[in-house]
């Protein structure tokens, strides 16, 4: 349950921070809630904005190209911003984290748009 709440908070922060992608954290929250709390899982699945994302993932195990491109663009912009803003030894850490998430997303199947 704690992992789901933490993931959901990170996903919410990702709406406002370009370094954090929202979709993977919401999907991770759905995974954690499914194993920790049926009530929290039901809330997430019935949420008007987040529920369709989790349901679609569970049905297809694929992301639309639009979602992939938006996530990659936002992570690239956020990484460039961090490179400019953070001190030298730490400036590469956000880019490495975004590269790992981007690689995971690249390997996922691409769902055709409806």
C-alpha atoms as a PDB file:
ATOM      1  CA  UNK A   1       0.000   0.000   0.000  1.00  0.00           C
ATOM      2  CA  UNK A   2       2.816   2.408   0.879  1.00  0.00           C
ATOM      3  CA  UNK A   3       4.527   1.720  -2.448  1.00  0.00           C
ATOM      4  CA  UNK A   4       1.312   2.520  -4.292  1.00  0.00           C
ATOM      5  CA  UNK A   5       0.816   5.792  -2.446  1.00  0.00           C
ATOM      6  CA  UNK A   6       4.448   6.783  -3.008  1.00  0.00           C
ATOM      7  CA  UNK A   7       4.225   5.898  -6.721  1.00  0.00           C
ATOM      8  CA  UNK A   8       0.998   7.831  -7.101  1.00  0.00           C
ATOM      9  CA  UNK A   9       2.597  10.880  -5.445  1.00  0.00           C
ATOM     10  CA  UNK A  10       5.549  10.648  -7.833  1.00  0.00           C
ATOM     11  CA  UNK A  11       3.146  10.347 -10.751  1.00  0.00           C
ATOM     12  CA  UNK A  12       1.271  13.418  -9.541  1.00  0.00           C
ATOM     13  CA  UNK A  13       4.548  15.325  -9.232  1.00  0.00           C
ATOM     14  CA  UNK A  14       5.341  14.227 -12.789  1.00  0.00           C
ATOM     15  CA  UNK A  15       2.404  16.263 -14.030  1.00  0.00           C
ATOM     16  CA  UNK A  16       4.254  19.404 -12.958  1.00  0.00           C
ATOM     17  CA  UNK A  17       7.920  18.377 -13.149  1.00  0.00           C
ATOM     18  CA  UNK A  18       9.291  17.584 -16.596  1.00  0.00           C
ATOM     19  CA  UNK A  19      11.838  15.087 -15.236  1.00  0.00           C
ATOM     20  CA  UNK A  20       9.246  12.709 -13.815  1.00  0.00           C
ATOM     21  CA  UNK A  21       7.092  10.746 -16.232  1.00  0.00           C
ATOM     22  CA  UNK A  22       3.563  10.298 -14.920  1.00  0.00           C
ATOM     23  CA  UNK A  23       2.476   7.111 -16.705  1.00  0.00           C
ATOM     24  CA  UNK A  24       5.030   4.619 -15.322  1.00  0.00           C
ATOM     25  CA  UNK A  25       4.398   5.773 -11.752  1.00  0.00           C
ATOM     26  CA  UNK A  26       0.621   5.506 -12.127  1.00  0.00           C
ATOM     27  CA  UNK A  27       1.015   2.006 -13.568  1.00  0.00           C
ATOM     28  CA  UNK A  28       3.306   1.070 -10.676  1.00  0.00           C
ATOM     29  CA  UNK A  29       0.717   2.429  -8.238  1.00  0.00           C
ATOM     30  CA  UNK A  30      -1.907   0.211  -9.869  1.00  0.00           C
ATOM     31  CA  UNK A  31       0.388  -2.788  -9.471  1.00  0.00           C
ATOM     32  CA  UNK A  32       1.049  -2.010  -5.800  1.00  0.00           C
ATOM     33  CA  UNK A  33      -2.590  -1.293  -5.007  1.00  0.00           C
ATOM     34  CA  UNK A  34      -3.649  -4.580  -6.638  1.00  0.00           C
ATOM     35  CA  UNK A  35      -1.447  -6.406  -4.149  1.00  0.00           C
ATOM     36  CA  UNK A  36      -2.000  -4.178  -1.118  1.00  0.00           C
ATOM     37  CA  UNK A  37      -5.541  -2.824  -1.032  1.00  0.00           C
ATOM     38  CA  UNK A  38      -8.619  -3.705  -3.065  1.00  0.00           C
ATOM     39  CA  UNK A  39     -10.227  -0.448  -1.972  1.00  0.00           C
ATOM     40  CA  UNK A  40      -7.288   1.663  -3.219  1.00  0.00           C
ATOM     41  CA  UNK A  41      -7.168  -0.336  -6.447  1.00  0.00           C
ATOM     42  CA  UNK A  42     -10.891   0.216  -7.011  1.00  0.00           C
ATOM     43  CA  UNK A  43     -10.438   3.937  -6.378  1.00  0.00           C
ATOM     44  CA  UNK A  44      -7.611   4.107  -8.916  1.00  0.00           C
ATOM     45  CA  UNK A  45      -9.476   2.093 -11.542  1.00  0.00           C
ATOM     46  CA  UNK A  46     -12.587   4.265 -11.153  1.00  0.00           C
ATOM     47  CA  UNK A  47     -10.677   7.559 -11.220  1.00  0.00           C
ATOM     48  CA  UNK A  48     -11.786   9.522 -14.319  1.00  0.00           C
ATOM     49  CA  UNK A  49      -8.255  10.492 -15.421  1.00  0.00           C
ATOM     50  CA  UNK A  50      -6.059   7.686 -14.107  1.00  0.00           C
ATOM     51  CA  UNK A  51      -8.392   4.699 -14.348  1.00  0.00           C
ATOM     52  CA  UNK A  52      -8.496   4.404 -18.162  1.00  0.00           C
ATOM     53  CA  UNK A  53      -4.691   4.479 -18.294  1.00  0.00           C
ATOM     54  CA  UNK A  54      -4.363   1.566 -15.855  1.00  0.00           C
ATOM     55  CA  UNK A  55      -7.226  -0.414 -17.423  1.00  0.00           C
ATOM     56  CA  UNK A  56      -5.753   0.030 -20.901  1.00  0.00           C
ATOM     57  CA  UNK A  57      -2.341  -1.107 -19.664  1.00  0.00           C
ATOM     58  CA  UNK A  58      -3.815  -4.206 -18.063  1.00  0.00           C
ATOM     59  CA  UNK A  59      -5.769  -5.065 -21.205  1.00  0.00           C
ATOM     60  CA  UNK A  60      -3.050  -4.442 -23.813  1.00  0.00           C
ATOM     61  CA  UNK A  61       0.345  -4.191 -22.044  1.00  0.00           C
ATOM     62  CA  UNK A  62       1.242  -1.518 -24.595  1.00  0.00           C
ATOM     63  CA  UNK A  63       1.503   2.272 -24.762  1.00  0.00           C
ATOM     64  CA  UNK A  64       0.327   4.482 -27.613  1.00  0.00           C
ATOM     65  CA  UNK A  65       3.105   6.156 -29.601  1.00  0.00           C
ATOM     66  CA  UNK A  66       1.655   9.539 -28.592  1.00  0.00           C
ATOM     67  CA  UNK A  67       2.273   8.715 -24.907  1.00  0.00           C
ATOM     68  CA  UNK A  68       5.781   7.438 -25.603  1.00  0.00           C
ATOM     69  CA  UNK A  69       6.741  10.531 -27.603  1.00  0.00           C
ATOM     70  CA  UNK A  70       5.320  12.916 -25.025  1.00  0.00           C
ATOM     71  CA  UNK A  71       7.153  11.128 -22.202  1.00  0.00           C
ATOM     72  CA  UNK A  72      10.446  11.054 -24.111  1.00  0.00           C
ATOM     73  CA  UNK A  73      10.154  14.739 -25.012  1.00  0.00           C
ATOM     74  CA  UNK A  74       9.374  15.821 -21.466  1.00  0.00           C
ATOM     75  CA  UNK A  75      12.174  13.668 -20.029  1.00  0.00           C
ATOM     76  CA  UNK A  76      14.660  15.071 -22.562  1.00  0.00           C
ATOM     77  CA  UNK A  77      13.643  18.653 -21.771  1.00  0.00           C
ATOM     78  CA  UNK A  78      13.802  17.956 -18.047  1.00  0.00           C
ATOM     79  CA  UNK A  79      17.227  16.349 -18.383  1.00  0.00           C
ATOM     80  CA  UNK A  80      18.532  19.361 -20.286  1.00  0.00           C
ATOM     81  CA  UNK A  81      17.092  21.650 -17.634  1.00  0.00           C
ATOM     82  CA  UNK A  82      18.756  19.603 -14.870  1.00  0.00           C
ATOM     83  CA  UNK A  83      22.044  19.593 -16.799  1.00  0.00           C
ATOM     84  CA  UNK A  84      21.966  23.379 -16.855  1.00  0.00           C
ATOM     85  CA  UNK A  85      20.715  23.841 -13.277  1.00  0.00           C
ATOM     86  CA  UNK A  86      22.414  21.181 -11.123  1.00  0.00           C
ATOM     87  CA  UNK A  87      26.037  21.236  -9.968  1.00  0.00           C
ATOM     88  CA  UNK A  88      28.576  19.257 -11.972  1.00  0.00           C
ATOM     89  CA  UNK A  89      28.762  15.864 -10.267  1.00  0.00           C
ATOM     90  CA  UNK A  90      24.955  15.552 -10.006  1.00  0.00           C
ATOM     91  CA  UNK A  91      23.846  17.032 -13.311  1.00  0.00           C
ATOM     92  CA  UNK A  92      23.983  13.676 -15.142  1.00  0.00           C
ATOM     93  CA  UNK A  93      21.905  11.723 -12.624  1.00  0.00           C
ATOM     94  CA  UNK A  94      18.466  12.859 -13.922  1.00  0.00           C
ATOM     95  CA  UNK A  95      19.502  12.101 -17.503  1.00  0.00           C
ATOM     96  CA  UNK A  96      20.599   8.585 -16.528  1.00  0.00           C
ATOM     97  CA  UNK A  97      17.322   7.940 -14.709  1.00  0.00           C
ATOM     98  CA  UNK A  98      15.321   9.253 -17.678  1.00  0.00           C
ATOM     99  CA  UNK A  99      17.411   7.117 -20.024  1.00  0.00           C
ATOM    100  CA  UNK A 100      16.539   4.023 -17.987  1.00  0.00           C
ATOM    101  CA  UNK A 101      12.816   4.837 -18.050  1.00  0.00           C
ATOM    102  CA  UNK A 102      12.999   5.754 -21.736  1.00  0.00           C
ATOM    103  CA  UNK A 103      14.704   2.437 -22.521  1.00  0.00           C
ATOM    104  CA  UNK A 104      11.987   0.562 -20.655  1.00  0.00           C
ATOM    105  CA  UNK A 105       9.331   2.439 -22.614  1.00  0.00           C
ATOM    106  CA  UNK A 106      11.148   1.803 -25.912  1.00  0.00           C
ATOM    107  CA  UNK A 107      10.978  -1.957 -25.330  1.00  0.00           C
ATOM    108  CA  UNK A 108       7.242  -1.870 -24.628  1.00  0.00           C
ATOM    109  CA  UNK A 109       4.871  -2.730 -27.462  1.00  0.00           C
ATOM    110  CA  UNK A 110       3.286   0.238 -29.206  1.00  0.00           C
ATOM    111  CA  UNK A 111      -0.505   0.224 -29.241  1.00  0.00           C
ATOM    112  CA  UNK A 112      -2.290   1.566 -32.311  1.00  0.00           C
ATOM    113  CA  UNK A 113      -4.320   4.718 -31.698  1.00  0.00           C
ATOM    114  CA  UNK A 114      -8.065   4.350 -31.788  1.00  0.00           C
END
